[in-house]
N, C-alpha and C. Protein backbone atom coordinates (compact mmCIF):
# COMPACT_ATOMS: atom_id res chain seq x y z
N UNK A 1 196.25 -64.51 224.91
CA UNK A 1 197.03 -63.88 225.95
C UNK A 1 197.86 -62.76 225.31
N UNK A 2 197.95 -61.63 226.03
CA UNK A 2 198.73 -60.50 225.52
C UNK A 2 200.22 -60.80 225.59
N UNK A 3 200.89 -60.61 224.47
CA UNK A 3 202.36 -60.73 224.42
C UNK A 3 203.00 -59.37 224.68
N UNK A 4 202.53 -58.35 223.91
CA UNK A 4 203.09 -57.01 224.06
C UNK A 4 202.19 -55.97 223.39
N UNK A 5 202.39 -54.74 223.84
CA UNK A 5 201.72 -53.58 223.24
C UNK A 5 202.65 -53.01 222.17
N UNK A 6 202.10 -52.73 221.01
CA UNK A 6 202.87 -52.08 219.93
C UNK A 6 202.70 -50.57 220.04
N UNK A 7 201.46 -50.13 220.08
CA UNK A 7 201.14 -48.71 220.24
C UNK A 7 199.72 -48.60 220.78
N UNK A 8 199.13 -47.42 220.70
CA UNK A 8 197.84 -47.20 221.32
C UNK A 8 196.67 -47.96 220.73
N UNK A 9 196.82 -48.47 219.51
CA UNK A 9 195.72 -49.22 218.90
C UNK A 9 196.15 -50.55 218.29
N UNK A 10 197.34 -51.03 218.64
CA UNK A 10 197.82 -52.30 218.11
C UNK A 10 198.56 -53.07 219.20
N UNK A 11 198.21 -54.34 219.33
CA UNK A 11 198.86 -55.22 220.31
C UNK A 11 199.23 -56.53 219.63
N UNK A 12 200.05 -57.32 220.29
CA UNK A 12 200.39 -58.66 219.82
C UNK A 12 199.89 -59.64 220.87
N UNK A 13 199.14 -60.64 220.40
CA UNK A 13 198.62 -61.67 221.29
C UNK A 13 199.16 -63.04 220.88
N UNK A 14 199.07 -63.98 221.78
CA UNK A 14 199.42 -65.36 221.50
C UNK A 14 198.13 -66.15 221.37
N UNK A 15 197.87 -66.68 220.17
CA UNK A 15 196.67 -67.48 219.90
C UNK A 15 197.11 -68.87 219.45
N UNK A 16 196.77 -69.86 220.23
CA UNK A 16 197.15 -71.24 219.90
C UNK A 16 198.64 -71.36 219.60
N UNK A 17 199.47 -70.67 220.39
CA UNK A 17 200.91 -70.75 220.24
C UNK A 17 201.50 -69.90 219.13
N UNK A 18 200.65 -69.12 218.44
CA UNK A 18 201.10 -68.28 217.32
C UNK A 18 200.91 -66.81 217.69
N UNK A 19 201.96 -66.00 217.46
CA UNK A 19 201.82 -64.55 217.68
C UNK A 19 201.00 -63.93 216.57
N UNK A 20 200.03 -63.13 216.97
CA UNK A 20 199.15 -62.43 216.02
C UNK A 20 199.09 -60.96 216.39
N UNK A 21 199.25 -60.07 215.41
CA UNK A 21 199.03 -58.65 215.63
C UNK A 21 197.53 -58.39 215.60
N UNK A 22 197.07 -57.55 216.53
CA UNK A 22 195.65 -57.21 216.61
C UNK A 22 195.52 -55.69 216.55
N UNK A 23 194.72 -55.22 215.60
CA UNK A 23 194.40 -53.80 215.47
C UNK A 23 193.06 -53.58 216.12
N UNK A 24 193.01 -52.70 217.13
CA UNK A 24 191.76 -52.43 217.83
C UNK A 24 190.79 -51.74 216.86
N UNK A 25 189.64 -52.35 216.68
CA UNK A 25 188.65 -51.84 215.74
C UNK A 25 188.00 -50.55 216.23
N UNK A 26 187.66 -49.72 215.29
CA UNK A 26 186.86 -48.50 215.48
C UNK A 26 187.56 -47.38 216.22
N UNK A 27 188.87 -47.50 216.48
CA UNK A 27 189.62 -46.39 217.06
C UNK A 27 190.89 -46.14 216.26
N UNK A 28 191.35 -44.91 216.36
CA UNK A 28 192.64 -44.52 215.78
C UNK A 28 193.33 -43.67 216.82
N UNK A 29 194.52 -44.08 217.23
CA UNK A 29 195.27 -43.32 218.22
C UNK A 29 196.45 -42.63 217.56
N UNK A 30 197.00 -41.61 218.18
CA UNK A 30 198.17 -40.94 217.60
C UNK A 30 199.32 -41.94 217.41
N UNK A 31 200.05 -41.76 216.33
CA UNK A 31 201.15 -42.66 215.99
C UNK A 31 202.33 -42.48 216.94
N UNK A 32 202.95 -43.61 217.29
CA UNK A 32 204.17 -43.55 218.10
C UNK A 32 205.29 -44.43 217.53
N UNK A 33 204.93 -45.40 216.68
CA UNK A 33 205.96 -46.31 216.15
C UNK A 33 205.79 -46.60 214.66
N UNK A 34 205.00 -45.83 213.95
CA UNK A 34 204.76 -46.08 212.52
C UNK A 34 206.07 -45.95 211.75
N UNK A 35 206.38 -46.92 210.89
CA UNK A 35 207.66 -46.88 210.18
C UNK A 35 207.80 -45.73 209.17
N UNK A 36 206.68 -45.20 208.70
CA UNK A 36 206.73 -44.15 207.67
C UNK A 36 206.24 -42.79 208.15
N UNK A 37 205.94 -42.66 209.44
CA UNK A 37 205.41 -41.39 209.95
C UNK A 37 206.14 -41.00 211.22
N UNK A 38 206.22 -39.70 211.46
CA UNK A 38 206.85 -39.25 212.72
C UNK A 38 205.96 -39.54 213.92
N UNK A 39 206.55 -39.52 215.08
CA UNK A 39 205.77 -39.65 216.31
C UNK A 39 204.83 -38.46 216.39
N UNK A 40 203.55 -38.74 216.67
CA UNK A 40 202.54 -37.69 216.72
C UNK A 40 202.30 -37.22 218.15
N UNK A 41 201.69 -36.06 218.23
CA UNK A 41 201.30 -35.49 219.51
C UNK A 41 200.46 -36.50 220.29
N UNK A 42 200.88 -36.82 221.49
CA UNK A 42 200.24 -37.77 222.41
C UNK A 42 200.37 -39.23 221.98
N UNK A 43 201.17 -39.52 220.98
CA UNK A 43 201.39 -40.91 220.57
C UNK A 43 202.02 -41.76 221.67
N UNK A 44 203.13 -41.30 222.27
CA UNK A 44 203.72 -42.09 223.36
C UNK A 44 202.78 -42.21 224.56
N UNK A 45 202.00 -41.18 224.81
CA UNK A 45 201.05 -41.23 225.93
C UNK A 45 199.93 -42.24 225.67
N UNK A 46 199.48 -42.32 224.42
CA UNK A 46 198.45 -43.31 224.07
C UNK A 46 199.00 -44.73 224.25
N UNK A 47 200.23 -44.93 223.83
CA UNK A 47 200.86 -46.25 224.02
C UNK A 47 201.01 -46.59 225.49
N UNK A 48 201.39 -45.60 226.28
CA UNK A 48 201.55 -45.82 227.72
C UNK A 48 200.20 -46.12 228.37
N UNK A 49 199.14 -45.46 227.90
CA UNK A 49 197.82 -45.68 228.50
C UNK A 49 197.33 -47.09 228.26
N UNK A 50 197.45 -47.58 227.02
CA UNK A 50 196.98 -48.94 226.78
C UNK A 50 197.81 -49.94 227.57
N UNK A 51 199.10 -49.64 227.75
CA UNK A 51 199.96 -50.52 228.54
C UNK A 51 199.58 -50.50 230.03
N UNK A 52 198.92 -49.44 230.48
CA UNK A 52 198.39 -49.42 231.85
C UNK A 52 197.13 -50.27 231.96
N UNK A 53 196.37 -50.34 230.87
CA UNK A 53 195.11 -51.08 230.87
C UNK A 53 195.32 -52.59 230.73
N UNK A 54 196.30 -52.98 229.92
CA UNK A 54 196.60 -54.39 229.70
C UNK A 54 198.10 -54.61 229.75
N UNK A 55 198.48 -55.77 230.27
CA UNK A 55 199.90 -56.09 230.46
C UNK A 55 200.20 -57.47 229.88
N UNK A 56 201.46 -57.71 229.47
CA UNK A 56 201.82 -59.04 228.99
C UNK A 56 201.38 -60.12 229.98
N UNK A 57 200.79 -61.16 229.42
CA UNK A 57 200.27 -62.25 230.24
C UNK A 57 198.79 -62.15 230.52
N UNK A 58 198.20 -60.97 230.33
CA UNK A 58 196.76 -60.81 230.55
C UNK A 58 195.97 -61.64 229.54
N UNK A 59 194.92 -62.26 230.04
CA UNK A 59 194.00 -62.98 229.15
C UNK A 59 193.07 -61.95 228.52
N UNK A 60 192.98 -61.99 227.20
CA UNK A 60 192.12 -61.05 226.46
C UNK A 60 191.03 -61.82 225.74
N UNK A 61 189.91 -61.16 225.57
CA UNK A 61 188.85 -61.69 224.72
C UNK A 61 188.78 -60.80 223.49
N UNK A 62 188.83 -61.42 222.33
CA UNK A 62 188.76 -60.70 221.06
C UNK A 62 187.39 -60.95 220.44
N UNK A 63 186.71 -59.87 220.05
CA UNK A 63 185.44 -59.99 219.34
C UNK A 63 185.60 -59.36 217.97
N UNK A 64 185.09 -60.05 216.97
CA UNK A 64 185.30 -59.65 215.59
C UNK A 64 184.04 -59.09 214.95
N UNK A 65 184.22 -58.47 213.79
CA UNK A 65 183.12 -57.91 213.02
C UNK A 65 183.11 -58.62 211.67
N UNK A 66 182.73 -57.93 210.61
CA UNK A 66 182.64 -58.55 209.29
C UNK A 66 184.00 -59.01 208.78
N UNK A 67 184.94 -58.08 208.64
CA UNK A 67 186.28 -58.43 208.18
C UNK A 67 187.14 -58.75 209.39
N UNK A 68 187.75 -59.92 209.38
CA UNK A 68 188.55 -60.36 210.52
C UNK A 68 189.98 -59.85 210.43
N UNK A 69 190.48 -59.59 209.22
CA UNK A 69 191.85 -59.11 209.03
C UNK A 69 191.88 -57.87 208.14
N UNK A 70 192.90 -57.03 208.36
CA UNK A 70 193.09 -55.86 207.51
C UNK A 70 194.08 -56.18 206.40
N UNK A 71 194.40 -55.20 205.57
CA UNK A 71 195.29 -55.42 204.44
C UNK A 71 196.74 -55.67 204.86
N UNK A 72 197.07 -55.46 206.14
CA UNK A 72 198.40 -55.80 206.66
C UNK A 72 198.43 -57.21 207.25
N UNK A 73 197.27 -57.88 207.30
CA UNK A 73 197.19 -59.21 207.88
C UNK A 73 196.93 -59.22 209.37
N UNK A 74 196.71 -58.04 209.95
CA UNK A 74 196.42 -57.97 211.39
C UNK A 74 194.97 -58.38 211.65
N UNK A 75 194.73 -59.01 212.79
CA UNK A 75 193.38 -59.26 213.22
C UNK A 75 192.74 -57.93 213.58
N UNK A 76 191.46 -57.78 213.28
CA UNK A 76 190.69 -56.57 213.62
C UNK A 76 189.69 -56.97 214.68
N UNK A 77 189.78 -56.35 215.87
CA UNK A 77 188.95 -56.85 216.96
C UNK A 77 188.59 -55.79 217.99
N UNK A 78 187.49 -56.06 218.66
CA UNK A 78 187.18 -55.41 219.92
C UNK A 78 187.94 -56.21 220.96
N UNK A 79 188.66 -55.54 221.84
CA UNK A 79 189.52 -56.22 222.82
C UNK A 79 188.97 -55.97 224.22
N UNK A 80 188.79 -57.06 224.96
CA UNK A 80 188.28 -57.00 226.32
C UNK A 80 189.29 -57.63 227.28
N UNK A 81 189.44 -57.03 228.45
CA UNK A 81 190.28 -57.58 229.51
C UNK A 81 189.52 -57.43 230.82
N UNK A 82 189.25 -58.53 231.46
CA UNK A 82 188.52 -58.53 232.73
C UNK A 82 187.24 -57.70 232.66
N UNK A 83 186.51 -57.86 231.56
CA UNK A 83 185.24 -57.16 231.39
C UNK A 83 185.33 -55.73 230.89
N UNK A 84 186.53 -55.19 230.78
CA UNK A 84 186.72 -53.82 230.30
C UNK A 84 186.91 -53.84 228.78
N UNK A 85 186.11 -53.04 228.08
CA UNK A 85 186.24 -52.92 226.63
C UNK A 85 187.36 -51.91 226.37
N UNK A 86 188.52 -52.40 226.00
CA UNK A 86 189.73 -51.59 225.86
C UNK A 86 189.56 -50.52 224.78
N UNK A 87 188.97 -50.87 223.65
CA UNK A 87 188.75 -49.89 222.58
C UNK A 87 187.96 -48.70 223.11
N UNK A 88 186.88 -48.98 223.82
CA UNK A 88 186.04 -47.93 224.38
C UNK A 88 186.80 -47.10 225.41
N UNK A 89 187.58 -47.76 226.25
CA UNK A 89 188.32 -47.03 227.29
C UNK A 89 189.34 -46.08 226.68
N UNK A 90 189.99 -46.49 225.59
CA UNK A 90 190.94 -45.60 224.92
C UNK A 90 190.24 -44.37 224.38
N UNK A 91 189.00 -44.53 223.90
CA UNK A 91 188.21 -43.37 223.44
C UNK A 91 187.80 -42.51 224.62
N UNK A 92 187.32 -43.12 225.69
CA UNK A 92 186.93 -42.37 226.89
C UNK A 92 188.08 -41.56 227.46
N UNK A 93 189.28 -42.12 227.35
CA UNK A 93 190.47 -41.45 227.87
C UNK A 93 190.99 -40.35 226.96
N UNK A 94 190.36 -40.20 225.77
CA UNK A 94 190.74 -39.13 224.86
C UNK A 94 191.92 -39.45 223.96
N UNK A 95 192.18 -40.73 223.77
CA UNK A 95 193.26 -41.15 222.87
C UNK A 95 192.75 -41.82 221.60
N UNK A 96 191.65 -42.55 221.69
CA UNK A 96 191.16 -43.34 220.56
C UNK A 96 190.02 -42.68 219.84
N UNK A 97 190.34 -41.93 218.79
CA UNK A 97 189.32 -41.27 217.99
C UNK A 97 188.52 -42.31 217.20
N UNK A 98 187.22 -42.07 217.01
CA UNK A 98 186.42 -43.00 216.21
C UNK A 98 186.99 -43.12 214.80
N UNK A 99 187.02 -44.34 214.30
CA UNK A 99 187.51 -44.59 212.94
C UNK A 99 186.68 -45.72 212.34
N UNK A 100 186.15 -45.48 211.17
CA UNK A 100 185.32 -46.47 210.48
C UNK A 100 186.17 -47.19 209.46
N UNK A 101 186.28 -48.50 209.63
CA UNK A 101 187.01 -49.35 208.69
C UNK A 101 185.98 -50.26 208.02
N UNK A 102 185.52 -49.80 206.87
CA UNK A 102 184.45 -50.47 206.15
C UNK A 102 184.75 -51.94 205.94
N UNK A 103 183.83 -52.85 206.17
CA UNK A 103 182.44 -52.68 206.57
C UNK A 103 182.23 -52.82 208.09
N UNK A 104 183.30 -52.77 208.86
CA UNK A 104 183.24 -53.05 210.29
C UNK A 104 182.70 -51.87 211.09
N UNK A 105 181.44 -51.97 211.52
CA UNK A 105 180.84 -50.89 212.28
C UNK A 105 180.23 -51.36 213.61
N UNK A 106 180.49 -52.59 213.97
CA UNK A 106 179.91 -53.18 215.18
C UNK A 106 180.14 -52.34 216.44
N UNK A 107 181.34 -51.79 216.59
CA UNK A 107 181.70 -51.07 217.81
C UNK A 107 181.66 -49.55 217.64
N UNK A 108 181.39 -49.08 216.45
CA UNK A 108 181.55 -47.67 216.13
C UNK A 108 180.67 -46.74 216.98
N UNK A 109 179.41 -47.07 217.16
CA UNK A 109 178.52 -46.19 217.95
C UNK A 109 179.00 -46.07 219.40
N UNK A 110 179.47 -47.16 219.95
CA UNK A 110 180.00 -47.15 221.32
C UNK A 110 181.22 -46.26 221.42
N UNK A 111 182.10 -46.38 220.43
CA UNK A 111 183.33 -45.57 220.42
C UNK A 111 182.99 -44.09 220.24
N UNK A 112 182.04 -43.79 219.38
CA UNK A 112 181.66 -42.39 219.18
C UNK A 112 181.07 -41.78 220.44
N UNK A 113 180.25 -42.52 221.17
CA UNK A 113 179.71 -42.02 222.43
C UNK A 113 180.84 -41.76 223.44
N UNK A 114 181.78 -42.69 223.51
CA UNK A 114 182.91 -42.53 224.44
C UNK A 114 183.75 -41.32 224.06
N UNK A 115 183.98 -41.12 222.77
CA UNK A 115 184.77 -39.98 222.29
C UNK A 115 184.07 -38.66 222.62
N UNK A 116 182.76 -38.63 222.47
CA UNK A 116 181.99 -37.44 222.84
C UNK A 116 182.14 -37.13 224.33
N UNK A 117 182.14 -38.19 225.15
CA UNK A 117 182.35 -38.00 226.59
C UNK A 117 183.75 -37.45 226.87
N UNK A 118 184.74 -37.96 226.16
CA UNK A 118 186.12 -37.47 226.34
C UNK A 118 186.21 -36.00 225.95
N UNK A 119 185.53 -35.64 224.87
CA UNK A 119 185.54 -34.25 224.42
C UNK A 119 184.90 -33.34 225.47
N UNK A 120 183.74 -33.77 226.00
CA UNK A 120 183.05 -32.96 227.01
C UNK A 120 183.89 -32.80 228.28
N UNK A 121 184.67 -33.84 228.60
CA UNK A 121 185.50 -33.81 229.81
C UNK A 121 186.90 -33.23 229.55
N UNK A 122 187.14 -32.82 228.28
CA UNK A 122 188.44 -32.26 227.88
C UNK A 122 189.59 -33.22 228.20
N UNK A 123 189.37 -34.49 227.88
CA UNK A 123 190.39 -35.51 228.07
C UNK A 123 191.44 -35.45 226.96
N UNK A 124 192.66 -35.61 227.30
CA UNK A 124 193.84 -35.76 226.44
C UNK A 124 193.82 -34.88 225.19
N UNK A 125 193.44 -35.40 224.02
CA UNK A 125 193.54 -34.58 222.80
C UNK A 125 192.67 -33.33 222.87
N UNK A 126 191.70 -33.32 223.77
CA UNK A 126 190.82 -32.17 223.92
C UNK A 126 191.26 -31.23 225.04
N UNK A 127 192.32 -31.58 225.74
CA UNK A 127 192.78 -30.77 226.88
C UNK A 127 193.29 -29.42 226.41
N UNK A 128 193.08 -28.41 227.24
CA UNK A 128 193.61 -27.08 226.97
C UNK A 128 195.10 -27.07 227.30
N UNK A 129 195.85 -26.26 226.58
CA UNK A 129 197.25 -26.04 226.89
C UNK A 129 198.20 -27.16 226.54
N UNK A 130 197.84 -28.00 225.58
CA UNK A 130 198.77 -29.06 225.17
C UNK A 130 200.00 -28.44 224.53
N UNK A 131 201.16 -29.07 224.70
CA UNK A 131 202.38 -28.54 224.10
C UNK A 131 202.51 -28.86 222.61
N UNK A 132 201.52 -29.56 222.06
CA UNK A 132 201.53 -29.94 220.65
C UNK A 132 200.09 -29.91 220.15
N UNK A 133 199.90 -30.05 218.85
CA UNK A 133 198.56 -30.04 218.26
C UNK A 133 198.23 -31.45 217.80
N UNK A 134 197.23 -32.08 218.42
CA UNK A 134 196.84 -33.43 218.01
C UNK A 134 196.33 -33.45 216.58
N UNK A 135 196.59 -34.54 215.90
CA UNK A 135 196.15 -34.72 214.51
C UNK A 135 194.63 -34.70 214.42
N UNK A 136 193.95 -35.21 215.40
CA UNK A 136 192.48 -35.25 215.35
C UNK A 136 191.89 -34.68 216.62
N UNK A 137 191.92 -33.39 216.71
CA UNK A 137 191.31 -32.74 217.88
C UNK A 137 189.79 -32.83 217.80
N UNK A 138 189.29 -32.78 216.60
CA UNK A 138 187.87 -33.04 216.39
C UNK A 138 187.77 -34.04 215.25
N UNK A 139 186.66 -34.72 215.15
CA UNK A 139 186.48 -35.69 214.08
C UNK A 139 185.39 -35.20 213.15
N UNK A 140 185.47 -35.66 211.93
CA UNK A 140 184.42 -35.30 210.98
C UNK A 140 183.15 -36.06 211.31
N UNK A 141 182.06 -35.60 210.79
CA UNK A 141 180.76 -36.22 211.02
C UNK A 141 180.77 -37.67 210.54
N UNK A 142 180.07 -38.54 211.26
CA UNK A 142 180.02 -39.96 210.92
C UNK A 142 179.61 -40.18 209.48
N UNK A 143 178.60 -39.46 209.00
CA UNK A 143 178.15 -39.67 207.64
C UNK A 143 179.23 -39.28 206.65
N UNK A 144 179.95 -38.21 206.93
CA UNK A 144 181.04 -37.81 206.04
C UNK A 144 182.11 -38.89 206.02
N UNK A 145 182.44 -39.45 207.19
CA UNK A 145 183.43 -40.51 207.23
C UNK A 145 182.97 -41.73 206.46
N UNK A 146 181.69 -42.07 206.62
CA UNK A 146 181.20 -43.24 205.89
C UNK A 146 181.28 -43.01 204.39
N UNK A 147 180.93 -41.80 203.95
CA UNK A 147 181.05 -41.49 202.53
C UNK A 147 182.50 -41.52 202.10
N UNK A 148 183.37 -40.97 202.94
CA UNK A 148 184.80 -40.96 202.65
C UNK A 148 185.30 -42.39 202.49
N UNK A 149 184.91 -43.24 203.42
CA UNK A 149 185.41 -44.61 203.41
C UNK A 149 184.81 -45.43 202.28
N UNK A 150 183.63 -45.06 201.83
CA UNK A 150 182.98 -45.81 200.77
C UNK A 150 183.45 -45.33 199.39
N UNK A 151 184.12 -44.20 199.38
CA UNK A 151 184.54 -43.60 198.12
C UNK A 151 185.61 -44.43 197.43
N UNK A 152 185.58 -44.44 196.12
CA UNK A 152 186.60 -45.16 195.37
C UNK A 152 187.92 -44.40 195.36
N UNK A 153 187.93 -43.18 195.89
CA UNK A 153 189.16 -42.40 195.90
C UNK A 153 189.98 -42.61 197.18
N UNK A 154 189.50 -43.45 198.09
CA UNK A 154 190.24 -43.72 199.31
C UNK A 154 191.56 -44.37 198.93
N UNK A 155 192.67 -43.85 199.48
CA UNK A 155 193.99 -44.38 199.14
C UNK A 155 194.14 -45.84 199.51
N UNK A 156 193.66 -46.21 200.68
CA UNK A 156 193.74 -47.60 201.12
C UNK A 156 192.31 -48.09 201.31
N UNK A 157 191.76 -48.81 200.33
CA UNK A 157 190.39 -49.30 200.49
C UNK A 157 190.23 -50.04 201.81
N UNK A 158 189.09 -49.81 202.45
CA UNK A 158 188.82 -50.48 203.71
C UNK A 158 189.24 -49.68 204.92
N UNK A 159 189.84 -48.52 204.71
CA UNK A 159 190.19 -47.68 205.86
C UNK A 159 189.85 -46.25 205.53
N UNK A 160 189.70 -45.47 206.56
CA UNK A 160 189.35 -44.06 206.37
C UNK A 160 190.19 -43.22 207.29
N UNK A 161 190.95 -42.32 206.74
CA UNK A 161 191.73 -41.40 207.57
C UNK A 161 190.79 -40.36 208.15
N UNK A 162 190.99 -40.03 209.39
CA UNK A 162 190.20 -38.97 210.00
C UNK A 162 190.61 -37.64 209.40
N UNK A 163 189.66 -36.75 209.27
CA UNK A 163 189.97 -35.42 208.76
C UNK A 163 190.63 -34.62 209.87
N UNK A 164 191.61 -33.82 209.50
CA UNK A 164 192.29 -33.01 210.49
C UNK A 164 191.42 -31.85 210.92
N UNK A 165 191.74 -31.27 212.03
CA UNK A 165 190.90 -30.23 212.63
C UNK A 165 190.99 -28.90 211.90
N UNK A 166 191.86 -28.79 210.92
CA UNK A 166 191.97 -27.55 210.18
C UNK A 166 192.96 -26.58 210.80
N UNK A 167 193.67 -27.02 211.83
CA UNK A 167 194.66 -26.15 212.47
C UNK A 167 195.93 -26.13 211.68
């Protein structure tokens, strides 16, 4: 059951009476509450959008991939509410950019298709006339990201930062 939304890609659920942080797999949304980073363009909007999709008390289904937890101890999951794949919807809405967290790729193709649809429809980070510049207006090629994430030079093994749009 959902306890609360943290930001656009992190929620807290109650599992067997224990609160667990859940990081939505295969997406990265603009930051809104990161302790070491400023609020990013569309970060509060991404948080508000996920809060429209799911609310405290909602029953959620979590689906996992290879690695169940990240280096912060958060569960890594595909999140479903009433049949809606929340990770995919955040990408369709133009907030959840595809992100590969090695070795978890179960949901990646679905997220990439949704992100392409958001781009074609000029949703959120792709919208014209934004008052700010999103960190990831475009994403690097999947193969480049996979190489990036597999590289021994990745600052945080198991995660891959999206490349900035060059703006």
